[in-house]
Amino acid sequence: MLYAIIAEDRAGTLDQRLAARPAHVERLQALQAEGRLILAGPCPAIDSPDPGPAGFSGSIIIAEFASLEAARAWADVDPYIAAGVYEKVVIKPFKKALPA
């Protein structure tokens, strides 16, 4: 089943985010290689594709996992959590409707 992982960044953690990004992206690339990643990306803190020093307000990942517990277990060991970037992570089952 698909799950939406919606994470909110702590304020002032852009440097930690940038430092942890390679390890974070590596995990996403592993999901992609397994054919389980639907989409992933950061949410700019301002209305710009390149927010510069304003940074990001969080991230959204939609991926396939065996269960809600498996999605939580995967999200719990994200490098952004270890680096103190994420303040809150919500995981919800997701049903893709469009595009078909």
Protein backbone atom coordinates (compact mmCIF):
# COMPACT_ATOMS: atom_id res chain seq x y z
CA MET A 1 0.00 0.00 0.00
CA LEU A 2 1.07 3.60 -0.49
CA TYR A 3 1.83 5.90 2.44
CA ALA A 4 2.31 9.66 2.61
CA ILE A 5 5.14 10.75 4.89
CA ILE A 6 4.66 14.43 5.70
CA ALA A 7 7.46 15.99 7.72
CA GLU A 8 7.81 19.48 9.18
CA ASP A 9 11.25 21.02 9.71
CA ARG A 10 12.35 22.69 12.92
CA ALA A 11 13.05 26.38 12.38
CA GLY A 12 16.67 27.25 11.77
CA THR A 13 17.85 23.80 10.67
CA LEU A 14 18.88 24.51 7.07
CA ASP A 15 22.56 23.76 7.77
CA GLN A 16 21.68 20.41 9.38
CA ARG A 17 19.36 19.62 6.44
CA LEU A 18 22.07 20.33 3.89
CA ALA A 19 24.61 18.22 5.80
CA ALA A 20 22.25 15.24 6.10
CA ARG A 21 20.85 15.52 2.57
CA PRO A 22 23.20 13.04 0.82
CA ALA A 23 22.27 10.23 3.23
CA HIS A 24 18.58 11.19 3.04
CA VAL A 25 18.61 11.13 -0.78
CA GLU A 26 20.50 7.81 -0.79
CA ARG A 27 17.61 6.17 1.10
CA LEU A 28 15.10 7.65 -1.33
CA GLN A 29 17.14 6.38 -4.28
CA ALA A 30 17.04 2.89 -2.75
CA LEU A 31 13.22 3.06 -2.63
CA GLN A 32 13.24 4.28 -6.22
CA ALA A 33 15.49 1.40 -7.32
CA GLU A 34 13.02 -1.01 -5.71
CA GLY A 35 10.15 0.61 -7.65
CA ARG A 36 8.47 1.78 -4.43
CA LEU A 37 8.93 5.56 -4.61
CA ILE A 38 6.07 7.56 -6.13
CA LEU A 39 7.40 11.04 -5.33
CA ALA A 40 9.58 12.86 -2.87
CA GLY A 41 10.70 16.41 -2.34
CA PRO A 42 11.14 19.34 0.01
CA CYS A 43 8.66 22.15 0.64
CA PRO A 44 10.36 25.53 0.17
CA ALA A 45 9.76 27.92 3.07
CA ILE A 46 8.96 30.69 0.57
CA ASP A 47 7.19 30.76 -2.78
CA SER A 48 10.28 29.97 -4.84
CA PRO A 49 11.80 26.80 -6.31
CA ASP A 50 15.15 27.95 -4.85
CA PRO A 51 14.42 29.38 -1.41
CA GLY A 52 18.08 30.15 -0.66
CA PRO A 53 18.69 30.96 3.01
CA ALA A 54 14.93 30.81 3.75
CA GLY A 55 15.33 27.04 3.49
CA PHE A 56 12.54 24.54 3.67
CA SER A 57 9.49 23.98 5.84
CA GLY A 58 9.45 20.21 5.46
CA SER A 59 9.25 17.30 3.05
CA ILE A 60 6.69 15.04 1.42
CA ILE A 61 7.36 11.43 0.45
CA ILE A 62 4.85 9.04 -1.06
CA ALA A 63 6.07 5.48 -1.26
CA GLU A 64 4.97 1.88 -1.05
CA PHE A 65 5.44 -0.05 2.18
CA ALA A 66 4.11 -3.39 3.43
CA SER A 67 2.24 -1.70 6.29
CA LEU A 68 1.81 1.51 8.24
CA GLU A 69 4.24 0.12 10.81
CA ALA A 70 6.83 -0.52 8.10
CA ALA A 71 6.43 3.04 6.80
CA ARG A 72 6.87 4.39 10.35
CA ALA A 73 9.93 2.23 10.94
CA TRP A 74 11.48 3.49 7.70
CA ALA A 75 10.69 7.14 8.50
CA ASP A 76 11.95 6.85 12.09
CA VAL A 77 15.52 6.26 10.94
CA ASP A 78 15.66 9.04 8.37
CA PRO A 79 18.93 11.01 8.51
CA TYR A 80 16.93 14.24 8.88
CA ILE A 81 15.52 12.91 12.17
CA ALA A 82 18.98 11.96 13.41
CA ALA A 83 20.24 15.44 12.45
CA GLY A 84 17.39 17.17 14.30
CA VAL A 85 15.85 18.62 11.13
CA TYR A 86 12.36 17.16 11.43
CA GLU A 87 10.18 18.45 14.24
CA LYS A 88 7.09 16.43 13.34
CA VAL A 89 6.43 13.49 11.02
CA VAL A 90 2.93 12.33 10.11
CA ILE A 91 2.40 9.11 8.17
CA LYS A 92 -0.93 8.31 6.56
CA PRO A 93 -2.17 5.63 4.19
CA PHE A 94 -2.49 7.12 0.72
CA LYS A 95 -4.72 6.10 -2.19
CA LYS A 96 -3.55 7.42 -5.54
CA ALA A 97 -6.47 8.54 -7.70
CA LEU A 98 -4.82 10.63 -10.44
CA PRO A 99 -3.04 10.48 -12.72
CA ALA A 100 -4.29 6.99 -13.53
